[in-house]
PDB file of N, CA and C in Angstrom:
ATOM      1  N   MET A   1     -12.137 -17.616  -2.868  1.00  0.00           N
ATOM      2  CA  MET A   1     -11.874 -16.463  -1.620  1.00  0.00           C
ATOM      3  C   MET A   1     -12.426 -15.404  -2.000  1.00  0.00           C
ATOM      4  N   THR A   2     -13.285 -14.753  -1.367  1.00  0.00           N
ATOM      5  CA  THR A   2     -14.019 -13.190  -2.004  1.00  0.00           C
ATOM      6  C   THR A   2     -12.851 -12.410  -1.277  1.00  0.00           C
ATOM      7  N   ALA A   3     -13.455 -10.831  -1.938  1.00  0.00           N
ATOM      8  CA  ALA A   3     -12.046  -9.854  -1.992  1.00  0.00           C
ATOM      9  C   ALA A   3     -11.943  -9.773  -0.175  1.00  0.00           C
ATOM     10  N   GLN A   4     -13.263  -9.543   0.050  1.00  0.00           N
ATOM     11  CA  GLN A   4     -13.034  -9.727   1.996  1.00  0.00           C
ATOM     12  C   GLN A   4     -12.368 -10.535   2.296  1.00  0.00           C
ATOM     13  N   GLU A   5     -12.434 -11.909   2.320  1.00  0.00           N
ATOM     14  CA  GLU A   5     -11.518 -12.498   2.625  1.00  0.00           C
ATOM     15  C   GLU A   5     -10.332 -12.499   2.327  1.00  0.00           C
ATOM     16  N   ALA A   6      -9.987 -11.693   1.416  1.00  0.00           N
ATOM     17  CA  ALA A   6      -8.420 -11.779   0.909  1.00  0.00           C
ATOM     18  C   ALA A   6      -7.932 -10.879   1.767  1.00  0.00           C
ATOM     19  N   HIS A   7      -8.798  -9.537   1.823  1.00  0.00           N
ATOM     20  CA  HIS A   7      -8.422  -8.622   2.647  1.00  0.00           C
ATOM     21  C   HIS A   7      -8.006  -9.015   3.950  1.00  0.00           C
ATOM     22  N   ASP A   8      -8.535  -9.741   4.509  1.00  0.00           N
ATOM     23  CA  ASP A   8      -9.115 -10.359   6.106  1.00  0.00           C
ATOM     24  C   ASP A   8      -7.384 -10.824   6.448  1.00  0.00           C
ATOM     25  N   HIS A   9      -6.777 -11.086   5.603  1.00  0.00           N
ATOM     26  CA  HIS A   9      -5.710 -11.343   5.757  1.00  0.00           C
ATOM     27  C   HIS A   9      -4.261 -10.938   5.099  1.00  0.00           C
ATOM     28  N   ASP A  10      -4.350 -10.189   4.478  1.00  0.00           N
ATOM     29  CA  ASP A  10      -3.926  -9.062   3.781  1.00  0.00           C
ATOM     30  C   ASP A  10      -3.855  -7.265   4.040  1.00  0.00           C
ATOM     31  N   ARG A  11      -2.789  -6.504   4.145  1.00  0.00           N
ATOM     32  CA  ARG A  11      -2.897  -5.269   4.843  1.00  0.00           C
ATOM     33  C   ARG A  11      -1.888  -4.841   3.920  1.00  0.00           C
ATOM     34  N   ILE A  12      -2.179  -3.305   3.583  1.00  0.00           N
ATOM     35  CA  ILE A  12      -1.095  -2.357   2.935  1.00  0.00           C
ATOM     36  C   ILE A  12      -0.901  -1.134   4.068  1.00  0.00           C
ATOM     37  N   LEU A  13       0.322  -0.879   4.113  1.00  0.00           N
ATOM     38  CA  LEU A  13       1.193   0.009   4.764  1.00  0.00           C
ATOM     39  C   LEU A  13       1.451   1.040   3.662  1.00  0.00           C
ATOM     40  N   VAL A  14       1.122   2.686   3.969  1.00  0.00           N
ATOM     41  CA  VAL A  14       1.724   3.862   3.379  1.00  0.00           C
ATOM     42  C   VAL A  14       2.774   4.511   4.249  1.00  0.00           C
ATOM     43  N   LYS A  15       4.186   4.598   3.530  1.00  0.00           N
ATOM     44  CA  LYS A  15       5.188   5.387   4.880  1.00  0.00           C
ATOM     45  C   LYS A  15       5.819   6.127   3.949  1.00  0.00           C
ATOM     46  N   HIS A  16       6.405   7.213   4.801  1.00  0.00           N
ATOM     47  CA  HIS A  16       7.360   8.026   4.335  1.00  0.00           C
ATOM     48  C   HIS A  16       8.713   7.569   4.292  1.00  0.00           C
ATOM     49  N   ALA A  17       9.603   7.372   3.617  1.00  0.00           N
ATOM     50  CA  ALA A  17      10.389   6.245   3.153  1.00  0.00           C
ATOM     51  C   ALA A  17      11.248   7.425   4.043  1.00  0.00           C
ATOM     52  N   VAL A  18      11.641   8.636   4.356  1.00  0.00           N
ATOM     53  CA  VAL A  18      13.063   9.405   4.905  1.00  0.00           C
ATOM     54  C   VAL A  18      12.821   9.294   6.725  1.00  0.00           C
ATOM     55  N   THR A  19      11.179   9.391   6.832  1.00  0.00           N
ATOM     56  CA  THR A  19      11.011   9.681   8.176  1.00  0.00           C
ATOM     57  C   THR A  19      10.358   8.190   8.542  1.00  0.00           C
ATOM     58  N   GLY A  20      10.172   7.406   8.554  1.00  0.00           N
ATOM     59  CA  GLY A  20       9.385   6.300   8.879  1.00  0.00           C
ATOM     60  C   GLY A  20       7.891   6.373   9.375  1.00  0.00           C
ATOM     61  N   ARG A  21       7.140   8.107   8.530  1.00  0.00           N
ATOM     62  CA  ARG A  21       6.075   8.039   9.383  1.00  0.00           C
ATOM     63  C   ARG A  21       4.953   7.100   8.781  1.00  0.00           C
ATOM     64  N   MET A  22       4.065   6.811   9.556  1.00  0.00           N
ATOM     65  CA  MET A  22       3.151   5.879   9.175  1.00  0.00           C
ATOM     66  C   MET A  22       1.895   6.417   8.209  1.00  0.00           C
ATOM     67  N   PHE A  23       1.793   6.744   7.283  1.00  0.00           N
ATOM     68  CA  PHE A  23       0.383   7.639   7.092  1.00  0.00           C
ATOM     69  C   PHE A  23      -0.813   6.506   6.733  1.00  0.00           C
ATOM     70  N   VAL A  24      -1.201   5.345   6.751  1.00  0.00           N
ATOM     71  CA  VAL A  24      -1.879   4.376   6.067  1.00  0.00           C
ATOM     72  C   VAL A  24      -1.189   2.913   6.708  1.00  0.00           C
ATOM     73  N   ASN A  25      -2.315   2.493   7.237  1.00  0.00           N
ATOM     74  CA  ASN A  25      -2.271   1.075   8.006  1.00  0.00           C
ATOM     75  C   ASN A  25      -3.432   0.567   7.964  1.00  0.00           C
ATOM     76  N   SER A  26      -3.993  -0.327   6.575  1.00  0.00           N
ATOM     77  CA  SER A  26      -5.392  -1.238   6.494  1.00  0.00           C
ATOM     78  C   SER A  26      -5.516  -2.353   7.613  1.00  0.00           C
ATOM     79  N   GLY A  27      -4.662  -2.227   8.545  1.00  0.00           N
ATOM     80  CA  GLY A  27      -5.019  -3.514   9.148  1.00  0.00           C
ATOM     81  C   GLY A  27      -5.914  -2.611  10.687  1.00  0.00           C
ATOM     82  N   ALA A  28      -5.381  -1.320  10.584  1.00  0.00           N
ATOM     83  CA  ALA A  28      -5.868  -0.400  12.329  1.00  0.00           C
ATOM     84  C   ALA A  28      -6.542   0.347  11.647  1.00  0.00           C
ATOM     85  N   ASP A  29      -6.359   1.054  10.593  1.00  0.00           N
ATOM     86  CA  ASP A  29      -7.382   2.133   9.767  1.00  0.00           C
ATOM     87  C   ASP A  29      -8.813   1.798   9.277  1.00  0.00           C
ATOM     88  N   ASP A  30      -9.339   3.031   9.107  1.00  0.00           N
ATOM     89  CA  ASP A  30     -10.651   2.859   8.854  1.00  0.00           C
ATOM     90  C   ASP A  30     -10.613   2.750   6.893  1.00  0.00           C
ATOM     91  N   VAL A  31     -10.335   2.385   6.309  1.00  0.00           N
ATOM     92  CA  VAL A  31      -9.639   2.188   4.983  1.00  0.00           C
ATOM     93  C   VAL A  31     -10.321   1.053   4.340  1.00  0.00           C
ATOM     94  N   THR A  32     -10.804   1.035   3.233  1.00  0.00           N
ATOM     95  CA  THR A  32     -10.572  -0.064   2.027  1.00  0.00           C
ATOM     96  C   THR A  32      -9.973   0.386   0.971  1.00  0.00           C
ATOM     97  N   TYR A  33      -8.984  -0.877   0.193  1.00  0.00           N
ATOM     98  CA  TYR A  33      -8.230  -0.761  -0.885  1.00  0.00           C
ATOM     99  C   TYR A  33      -8.291  -1.774  -1.662  1.00  0.00           C
ATOM    100  N   THR A  34      -7.825  -1.181  -3.261  1.00  0.00           N
ATOM    101  CA  THR A  34      -7.663  -2.286  -4.076  1.00  0.00           C
ATOM    102  C   THR A  34      -6.286  -2.298  -4.391  1.00  0.00           C
ATOM    103  N   LEU A  35      -5.483  -3.055  -4.770  1.00  0.00           N
ATOM    104  CA  LEU A  35      -4.010  -3.068  -5.097  1.00  0.00           C
ATOM    105  C   LEU A  35      -4.178  -4.308  -7.077  1.00  0.00           C
ATOM    106  N   GLU A  36      -3.817  -2.976  -7.765  1.00  0.00           N
ATOM    107  CA  GLU A  36      -3.777  -3.966  -9.172  1.00  0.00           C
ATOM    108  C   GLU A  36      -2.220  -3.835  -9.592  1.00  0.00           C
ATOM    109  N   ARG A  37      -1.395  -5.081  -9.844  1.00  0.00           N
ATOM    110  CA  ARG A  37      -0.451  -4.828 -10.732  1.00  0.00           C
ATOM    111  C   ARG A  37      -0.520  -4.254 -11.848  1.00  0.00           C
ATOM    112  N   SER A  38       0.418  -3.716 -12.197  1.00  0.00           N
ATOM    113  CA  SER A  38       0.641  -2.850 -13.587  1.00  0.00           C
ATOM    114  C   SER A  38       1.706  -3.598 -14.470  1.00  0.00           C
ATOM    115  N   ALA A  39       1.413  -3.242 -15.885  1.00  0.00           N
ATOM    116  CA  ALA A  39       2.260  -3.903 -16.533  1.00  0.00           C
ATOM    117  C   ALA A  39       3.493  -3.466 -16.566  1.00  0.00           C
ATOM    118  N   GLU A  40       4.369  -2.558 -15.884  1.00  0.00           N
ATOM    119  CA  GLU A  40       5.561  -1.991 -15.924  1.00  0.00           C
ATOM    120  C   GLU A  40       6.236  -2.517 -14.699  1.00  0.00           C
ATOM    121  N   GLY A  41       5.339  -3.579 -13.931  1.00  0.00           N
ATOM    122  CA  GLY A  41       6.224  -4.010 -12.633  1.00  0.00           C
ATOM    123  C   GLY A  41       5.993  -3.524 -11.671  1.00  0.00           C
ATOM    124  N   GLY A  42       4.843  -2.411 -11.314  1.00  0.00           N
ATOM    125  CA  GLY A  42       4.964  -1.941  -9.737  1.00  0.00           C
ATOM    126  C   GLY A  42       3.295  -2.093  -9.581  1.00  0.00           C
ATOM    127  N   ALA A  43       2.411  -1.577  -9.509  1.00  0.00           N
ATOM    128  CA  ALA A  43       1.162  -1.344  -9.000  1.00  0.00           C
ATOM    129  C   ALA A  43       0.392  -0.418  -8.768  1.00  0.00           C
ATOM    130  N   ILE A  44      -1.314  -0.159  -8.855  1.00  0.00           N
ATOM    131  CA  ILE A  44      -1.728   0.719  -8.700  1.00  0.00           C
ATOM    132  C   ILE A  44      -2.605   0.360  -7.464  1.00  0.00           C
ATOM    133  N   LEU A  45      -2.555   1.714  -6.424  1.00  0.00           N
ATOM    134  CA  LEU A  45      -3.355   0.930  -5.231  1.00  0.00           C
ATOM    135  C   LEU A  45      -4.354   2.574  -5.062  1.00  0.00           C
ATOM    136  N   SER A  46      -5.288   2.149  -5.003  1.00  0.00           N
ATOM    137  CA  SER A  46      -6.396   3.131  -4.704  1.00  0.00           C
ATOM    138  C   SER A  46      -7.107   2.887  -2.984  1.00  0.00           C
ATOM    139  N   ILE A  47      -7.293   3.618  -2.360  1.00  0.00           N
ATOM    140  CA  ILE A  47      -7.034   3.318  -0.761  1.00  0.00           C
ATOM    141  C   ILE A  47      -8.542   4.681  -0.525  1.00  0.00           C
ATOM    142  N   ARG A  48      -9.894   4.004  -0.152  1.00  0.00           N
ATOM    143  CA  ARG A  48     -10.728   4.738  -0.143  1.00  0.00           C
ATOM    144  C   ARG A  48     -11.268   5.085   1.858  1.00  0.00           C
ATOM    145  N   GLY A  49     -11.322   6.230   1.927  1.00  0.00           N
ATOM    146  CA  GLY A  49     -11.464   6.646   3.080  1.00  0.00           C
ATOM    147  C   GLY A  49     -10.266   7.555   3.934  1.00  0.00           C
ATOM    148  N   ILE A  50      -9.742   7.996   2.812  1.00  0.00           N
ATOM    149  CA  ILE A  50      -8.743   9.052   3.428  1.00  0.00           C
ATOM    150  C   ILE A  50      -9.278  10.475   3.232  1.00  0.00           C
ATOM    151  N   PRO A  51      -9.217  11.011   4.543  1.00  0.00           N
ATOM    152  CA  PRO A  51      -9.437  12.266   4.995  1.00  0.00           C
ATOM    153  C   PRO A  51      -8.453  13.794   4.108  1.00  0.00           C
ATOM    154  N   PRO A  52      -8.873  14.889   3.739  1.00  0.00           N
ATOM    155  CA  PRO A  52      -8.511  15.743   3.047  1.00  0.00           C
ATOM    156  C   PRO A  52      -7.417  15.925   3.135  1.00  0.00           C
ATOM    157  N   TRP A  53      -6.861  16.101   4.739  1.00  0.00           N
ATOM    158  CA  TRP A  53      -5.455  16.530   5.067  1.00  0.00           C
ATOM    159  C   TRP A  53      -4.500  15.507   5.179  1.00  0.00           C
ATOM    160  N   LEU A  54      -5.368  14.374   5.174  1.00  0.00           N
ATOM    161  CA  LEU A  54      -4.080  13.422   5.123  1.00  0.00           C
ATOM    162  C   LEU A  54      -3.549  13.071   3.592  1.00  0.00           C
ATOM    163  N   ALA A  55      -4.563  13.392   2.803  1.00  0.00           N
ATOM    164  CA  ALA A  55      -3.871  13.092   1.585  1.00  0.00           C
ATOM    165  C   ALA A  55      -3.018  14.345   1.270  1.00  0.00           C
ATOM    166  N   GLU A  56      -3.269  15.384   1.449  1.00  0.00           N
ATOM    167  CA  GLU A  56      -2.252  16.369   1.523  1.00  0.00           C
ATOM    168  C   GLU A  56      -0.809  16.253   2.301  1.00  0.00           C
ATOM    169  N   ASP A  57      -0.787  15.746   3.069  1.00  0.00           N
ATOM    170  CA  ASP A  57       0.447  15.251   3.648  1.00  0.00           C
ATOM    171  C   ASP A  57       0.976  14.201   2.626  1.00  0.00           C
ATOM    172  N   ILE A  58      -0.099  12.906   2.696  1.00  0.00           N
ATOM    173  CA  ILE A  58       1.087  12.100   1.765  1.00  0.00           C
ATOM    174  C   ILE A  58       1.307  12.531   0.560  1.00  0.00           C
ATOM    175  N   ARG A  59       0.713  13.624  -0.484  1.00  0.00           N
ATOM    176  CA  ARG A  59       0.716  14.018  -1.546  1.00  0.00           C
ATOM    177  C   ARG A  59       2.070  15.134  -1.567  1.00  0.00           C
ATOM    178  N   GLY A  60       2.120  15.391  -0.661  1.00  0.00           N
ATOM    179  CA  GLY A  60       3.596  16.439   0.055  1.00  0.00           C
ATOM    180  C   GLY A  60       4.691  16.090  -0.043  1.00  0.00           C
ATOM    181  N   VAL A  61       4.381  14.542  -0.071  1.00  0.00           N
ATOM    182  CA  VAL A  61       5.983  13.576   0.280  1.00  0.00           C
ATOM    183  C   VAL A  61       6.401  12.424  -0.867  1.00  0.00           C
ATOM    184  N   ARG A  62       5.146  12.579  -1.843  1.00  0.00           N
ATOM    185  CA  ARG A  62       4.663  11.386  -2.982  1.00  0.00           C
ATOM    186  C   ARG A  62       5.987  11.166  -3.400  1.00  0.00           C
ATOM    187  N   ARG A  63       6.638  11.952  -3.624  1.00  0.00           N
ATOM    188  CA  ARG A  63       8.274  11.243  -4.049  1.00  0.00           C
ATOM    189  C   ARG A  63       9.161  10.182  -3.365  1.00  0.00           C
ATOM    190  N   GLU A  64       9.039  10.442  -1.919  1.00  0.00           N
ATOM    191  CA  GLU A  64       9.215   9.635  -1.099  1.00  0.00           C
ATOM    192  C   GLU A  64       8.804   8.589  -0.332  1.00  0.00           C
ATOM    193  N   LEU A  65       7.401   7.781  -1.426  1.00  0.00           N
ATOM    194  CA  LEU A  65       6.437   7.097  -0.253  1.00  0.00           C
ATOM    195  C   LEU A  65       7.137   5.933  -0.504  1.00  0.00           C
ATOM    196  N   ASN A  66       6.680   5.074   0.408  1.00  0.00           N
ATOM    197  CA  ASN A  66       6.797   3.309   0.538  1.00  0.00           C
ATOM    198  C   ASN A  66       5.652   2.617   0.505  1.00  0.00           C
ATOM    199  N   VAL A  67       5.122   1.719  -0.087  1.00  0.00           N
ATOM    200  CA  VAL A  67       4.265   0.960  -0.117  1.00  0.00           C
ATOM    201  C   VAL A  67       4.480   0.027   0.338  1.00  0.00           C
ATOM    202  N   PHE A  68       3.712  -0.941   1.178  1.00  0.00           N
ATOM    203  CA  PHE A  68       4.238  -2.313   1.571  1.00  0.00           C
ATOM    204  C   PHE A  68       2.532  -3.178   1.690  1.00  0.00           C
ATOM    205  N   HIS A  69       2.614  -4.231   1.034  1.00  0.00           N
ATOM    206  CA  HIS A  69       0.999  -5.015   0.992  1.00  0.00           C
ATOM    207  C   HIS A  69       2.150  -6.847   1.385  1.00  0.00           C
ATOM    208  N   PHE A  70       1.235  -6.681   2.625  1.00  0.00           N
ATOM    209  CA  PHE A  70       1.610  -7.969   3.067  1.00  0.00           C
ATOM    210  C   PHE A  70       0.519  -9.112   2.786  1.00  0.00           C
ATOM    211  N   GLU A  71       0.808 -10.333   2.511  1.00  0.00           N
ATOM    212  CA  GLU A  71      -0.280 -11.214   2.598  1.00  0.00           C
ATOM    213  C   GLU A  71       0.111 -11.943   3.809  1.00  0.00           C
ATOM    214  N   GLU A  72      -0.708 -13.069   4.275  1.00  0.00           N
ATOM    215  CA  GLU A  72      -1.012 -13.366   5.793  1.00  0.00           C
ATOM    216  C   GLU A  72      -1.721 -14.358   5.676  1.00  0.00           C
ATOM    217  N   PRO A  73      -1.388 -15.208   5.194  1.00  0.00           N
ATOM    218  CA  PRO A  73      -2.659 -16.480   4.558  1.00  0.00           C
ATOM    219  C   PRO A  73      -2.627 -17.225   5.860  1.00  0.00           C
ATOM    220  N   PRO A  74      -3.916 -17.923   6.743  1.00  0.00           N
ATOM    221  CA  PRO A  74      -3.447 -19.047   7.654  1.00  0.00           C
ATOM    222  C   PRO A  74      -3.072 -19.777   7.324  1.00  0.00           C
ATOM    223  N   GLY A  75      -1.951 -20.439   7.931  1.00  0.00           N
ATOM    224  CA  GLY A  75      -1.489 -21.732   7.878  1.00  0.00           C
ATOM    225  C   GLY A  75      -0.047 -21.626   6.984  1.00  0.00           C
ATOM    226  N   LEU A  76      -0.302 -20.337   6.213  1.00  0.00           N
ATOM    227  CA  LEU A  76       0.832 -20.307   5.193  1.00  0.00           C
ATOM    228  C   LEU A  76       1.793 -19.101   5.375  1.00  0.00           C
ATOM    229  N   PRO A  77       3.281 -19.514   5.041  1.00  0.00           N
ATOM    230  CA  PRO A  77       4.385 -18.254   5.455  1.00  0.00           C
ATOM    231  C   PRO A  77       4.221 -16.852   4.941  1.00  0.00           C
ATOM    232  N   PRO A  78       4.064 -15.804   5.456  1.00  0.00           N
ATOM    233  CA  PRO A  78       3.691 -14.226   5.127  1.00  0.00           C
ATOM    234  C   PRO A  78       4.935 -14.229   3.238  1.00  0.00           C
ATOM    235  N   VAL A  79       4.233 -13.476   2.415  1.00  0.00           N
ATOM    236  CA  VAL A  79       4.595 -12.862   1.620  1.00  0.00           C
ATOM    237  C   VAL A  79       4.343 -11.419   1.745  1.00  0.00           C
ATOM    238  N   LYS A  80       5.850 -10.495   1.562  1.00  0.00           N
ATOM    239  CA  LYS A  80       5.960  -8.921   1.863  1.00  0.00           C
ATOM    240  C   LYS A  80       6.086  -8.851   0.429  1.00  0.00           C
ATOM    241  N   HIS A  81       5.418  -7.748  -0.007  1.00  0.00           N
ATOM    242  CA  HIS A  81       5.633  -6.893  -1.292  1.00  0.00           C
ATOM    243  C   HIS A  81       5.912  -5.436  -1.060  1.00  0.00           C
ATOM    244  N   TRP A  82       6.885  -4.722  -1.212  1.00  0.00           N
ATOM    245  CA  TRP A  82       7.779  -3.640  -1.613  1.00  0.00           C
ATOM    246  C   TRP A  82       7.492  -3.033  -2.492  1.00  0.00           C
ATOM    247  N   PHE A  83       6.786  -1.564  -2.634  1.00  0.00           N
ATOM    248  CA  PHE A  83       6.883  -0.796  -4.000  1.00  0.00           C
ATOM    249  C   PHE A  83       7.158   0.659  -3.623  1.00  0.00           C
ATOM    250  N   TYR A  84       8.387   1.282  -4.408  1.00  0.00           N
ATOM    251  CA  TYR A  84       8.709   2.431  -4.280  1.00  0.00           C
ATOM    252  C   TYR A  84       7.641   3.264  -5.009  1.00  0.00           C
ATOM    253  N   VAL A  85       7.465   4.339  -4.858  1.00  0.00           N
ATOM    254  CA  VAL A  85       6.617   5.669  -5.361  1.00  0.00           C
ATOM    255  C   VAL A  85       7.617   5.806  -6.440  1.00  0.00           C
ATOM    256  N   GLY A  86       8.398   6.533  -6.670  1.00  0.00           N
ATOM    257  CA  GLY A  86       9.123   7.515  -6.841  1.00  0.00           C
ATOM    258  C   GLY A  86       8.966   8.762  -7.783  1.00  0.00           C
ATOM    259  N   GLU A  87       9.229   8.424  -9.031  1.00  0.00           N
ATOM    260  CA  GLU A  87       8.477   9.624 -10.062  1.00  0.00           C
ATOM    261  C   GLU A  87       7.044   9.182 -10.628  1.00  0.00           C
ATOM    262  N   LYS A  88       6.640   8.209  -9.848  1.00  0.00           N
ATOM    263  CA  LYS A  88       4.962   7.667 -10.268  1.00  0.00           C
ATOM    264  C   LYS A  88       4.207   8.608  -9.453  1.00  0.00           C
ATOM    265  N   ASP A  89       2.369   8.414 -10.023  1.00  0.00           N
ATOM    266  CA  ASP A  89       1.411   9.526  -9.696  1.00  0.00           C
ATOM    267  C   ASP A  89       0.700   8.691  -8.399  1.00  0.00           C
ATOM    268  N   VAL A  90       0.664  10.106  -7.558  1.00  0.00           N
ATOM    269  CA  VAL A  90      -0.602  10.070  -6.538  1.00  0.00           C
ATOM    270  C   VAL A  90      -1.669  10.923  -6.563  1.00  0.00           C
ATOM    271  N   VAL A  91      -2.674  10.551  -6.860  1.00  0.00           N
ATOM    272  CA  VAL A  91      -3.731  11.762  -7.008  1.00  0.00           C
ATOM    273  C   VAL A  91      -4.551  11.294  -5.787  1.00  0.00           C
ATOM    274  N   TYR A  92      -5.377  12.851  -5.414  1.00  0.00           N
ATOM    275  CA  TYR A  92      -6.529  12.298  -4.858  1.00  0.00           C
ATOM    276  C   TYR A  92      -7.854  13.112  -5.146  1.00  0.00           C
ATOM    277  N   ASP A  93      -8.993  11.834  -4.977  1.00  0.00           N
ATOM    278  CA  ASP A  93     -10.367  12.399  -5.683  1.00  0.00           C
ATOM    279  C   ASP A  93     -11.445  12.472  -4.034  1.00  0.00           C
ATOM    280  N   GLU A  94     -11.712  14.211  -3.859  1.00  0.00           N
ATOM    281  CA  GLU A  94     -11.894  14.574  -2.604  1.00  0.00           C
ATOM    282  C   GLU A  94     -13.392  13.751  -2.752  1.00  0.00           C
ATOM    283  N   ALA A  95     -14.087  14.092  -3.509  1.00  0.00           N
ATOM    284  CA  ALA A  95     -15.888  13.237  -3.705  1.00  0.00           C
ATOM    285  C   ALA A  95     -15.517  12.029  -3.479  1.00  0.00           C
ATOM    286  N   SER A  96     -14.493  11.295  -3.581  1.00  0.00           N
ATOM    287  CA  SER A  96     -14.471  10.016  -3.149  1.00  0.00           C
ATOM    288  C   SER A  96     -14.165   9.140  -1.908  1.00  0.00           C
ATOM    289  N   SER A  97     -13.072  10.211  -1.479  1.00  0.00           N
ATOM    290  CA  SER A  97     -12.541  10.278  -0.265  1.00  0.00           C
ATOM    291  C   SER A  97     -11.290   9.635  -0.318  1.00  0.00           C
ATOM    292  N   THR A  98     -10.636   8.936  -1.706  1.00  0.00           N
ATOM    293  CA  THR A  98     -10.060   8.182  -2.311  1.00  0.00           C
ATOM    294  C   THR A  98      -8.490   8.454  -2.892  1.00  0.00           C
ATOM    295  N   LEU A  99      -7.255   8.044  -2.648  1.00  0.00           N
ATOM    296  CA  LEU A  99      -6.378   8.028  -2.656  1.00  0.00           C
ATOM    297  C   LEU A  99      -5.648   6.781  -3.726  1.00  0.00           C
ATOM    298  N   THR A 100      -5.247   7.701  -5.006  1.00  0.00           N
ATOM    299  CA  THR A 100      -4.640   6.252  -6.012  1.00  0.00           C
ATOM    300  C   THR A 100      -3.319   6.959  -5.963  1.00  0.00           C
ATOM    301  N   ILE A 101      -2.054   5.847  -5.290  1.00  0.00           N
ATOM    302  CA  ILE A 101      -1.198   5.686  -5.828  1.00  0.00           C
ATOM    303  C   ILE A 101      -0.579   4.376  -6.619  1.00  0.00           C
ATOM    304  N   GLU A 102       0.053   5.137  -7.546  1.00  0.00           N
ATOM    305  CA  GLU A 102       1.064   4.345  -8.515  1.00  0.00           C
ATOM    306  C   GLU A 102       2.012   4.241  -8.711  1.00  0.00           C
ATOM    307  N   THR A 103       2.692   3.249  -8.427  1.00  0.00           N
ATOM    308  CA  THR A 103       3.879   2.528  -7.701  1.00  0.00           C
ATOM    309  C   THR A 103       5.165   2.119  -8.782  1.00  0.00           C
ATOM    310  N   GLY A 104       6.348   2.465  -8.347  1.00  0.00           N
ATOM    311  CA  GLY A 104       7.241   1.745  -9.270  1.00  0.00           C
ATOM    312  C   GLY A 104       7.567   0.437  -9.065  1.00  0.00           C
ATOM    313  N   ALA A 105       8.768   0.055  -9.009  1.00  0.00           N
ATOM    314  CA  ALA A 105       8.912  -1.511  -9.535  1.00  0.00           C
ATOM    315  C   ALA A 105       8.725  -2.322  -7.503  1.00  0.00           C
ATOM    316  N   GLU A 106       8.436  -3.387  -7.778  1.00  0.00           N
ATOM    317  CA  GLU A 106       8.219  -4.134  -6.926  1.00  0.00           C
ATOM    318  C   GLU A 106       9.728  -5.298  -6.403  1.00  0.00           C
ATOM    319  N   ILE A 107       9.539  -5.551  -5.192  1.00  0.00           N
ATOM    320  CA  ILE A 107      10.612  -6.270  -4.454  1.00  0.00           C
ATOM    321  C   ILE A 107       9.616  -7.417  -3.785  1.00  0.00           C
ATOM    322  N   THR A 108       9.677  -8.717  -3.672  1.00  0.00           N
ATOM    323  CA  THR A 108       8.539  -9.512  -3.225  1.00  0.00           C
ATOM    324  C   THR A 108      10.133 -10.235  -2.114  1.00  0.00           C
ATOM    325  N   TYR A 109       9.532 -10.583  -1.053  1.00  0.00           N
ATOM    326  CA  TYR A 109      10.234 -11.280  -0.215  1.00  0.00           C
ATOM    327  C   TYR A 109       9.124 -11.872   0.507  1.00  0.00           C
ATOM    328  N   LYS A 110      10.136 -13.437   0.925  1.00  0.00           N
ATOM    329  CA  LYS A 110       9.655 -14.515   2.297  1.00  0.00           C
ATOM    330  C   LYS A 110      10.346 -14.126   3.236  1.00  0.00           C
ATOM    331  N   PRO A 111      10.031 -14.142   4.217  1.00  0.00           N
ATOM    332  CA  PRO A 111      10.970 -13.555   5.339  1.00  0.00           C
ATOM    333  C   PRO A 111      11.047 -15.169   6.109  1.00  0.00           C
ATOM    334  N   ASP A 112      10.454 -16.099   5.646  1.00  0.00           N
ATOM    335  CA  ASP A 112      10.350 -17.345   6.164  1.00  0.00           C
ATOM    336  C   ASP A 112      12.023 -17.721   5.356  1.00  0.00           C
ATOM    337  N   GLU A 113      12.294 -17.421   4.402  1.00  0.00           N
ATOM    338  CA  GLU A 113      13.255 -17.770   3.464  1.00  0.00           C
ATOM    339  C   GLU A 113      14.590 -16.925   3.832  1.00  0.00           C
ATOM    340  N   TYR A 114      14.668 -16.109   4.967  1.00  0.00           N
ATOM    341  CA  TYR A 114      15.500 -15.319   5.432  1.00  0.00           C
ATOM    342  C   TYR A 114      15.933 -15.776   6.804  1.00  0.00           C
ATOM    343  N   TRP A 115      14.955 -16.579   7.574  1.00  0.00           N
ATOM    344  CA  TRP A 115      14.944 -16.841   8.888  1.00  0.00           C
ATOM    345  C   TRP A 115      14.135 -18.167   9.480  1.00  0.00           C
ATOM    346  N   ALA A 116      15.134 -19.067  10.180  1.00  0.00           N
ATOM    347  CA  ALA A 116      14.631 -20.133   9.965  1.00  0.00           C
ATOM    348  C   ALA A 116      13.828 -20.385  11.484  1.00  0.00           C
TER     349      ALA A 116
END
């Protein structure tokens, strides 16, 4: 499966944990991303296509961010990953319009195991 095919069945969300404000939804927004697991149990998410004003909004609440990664392969149950940013870093590179979010611990859950 190519990276593009994987993204056809995956999506990421970046939300403000306190207010629930949606900052990024890769399923609806014109962005591309990479998600790499870190050795500490979190992940490093790089999102390309973020305008400066949105990066500023996100960085303004960087300690209160939730990052979600949804794997939704055809014919298989979805897998949801929840990452909390906390004390990790959020950096913006204006030249490439790339926001990089380092996350802390990950919680993975499979909704089909909770609801029949």
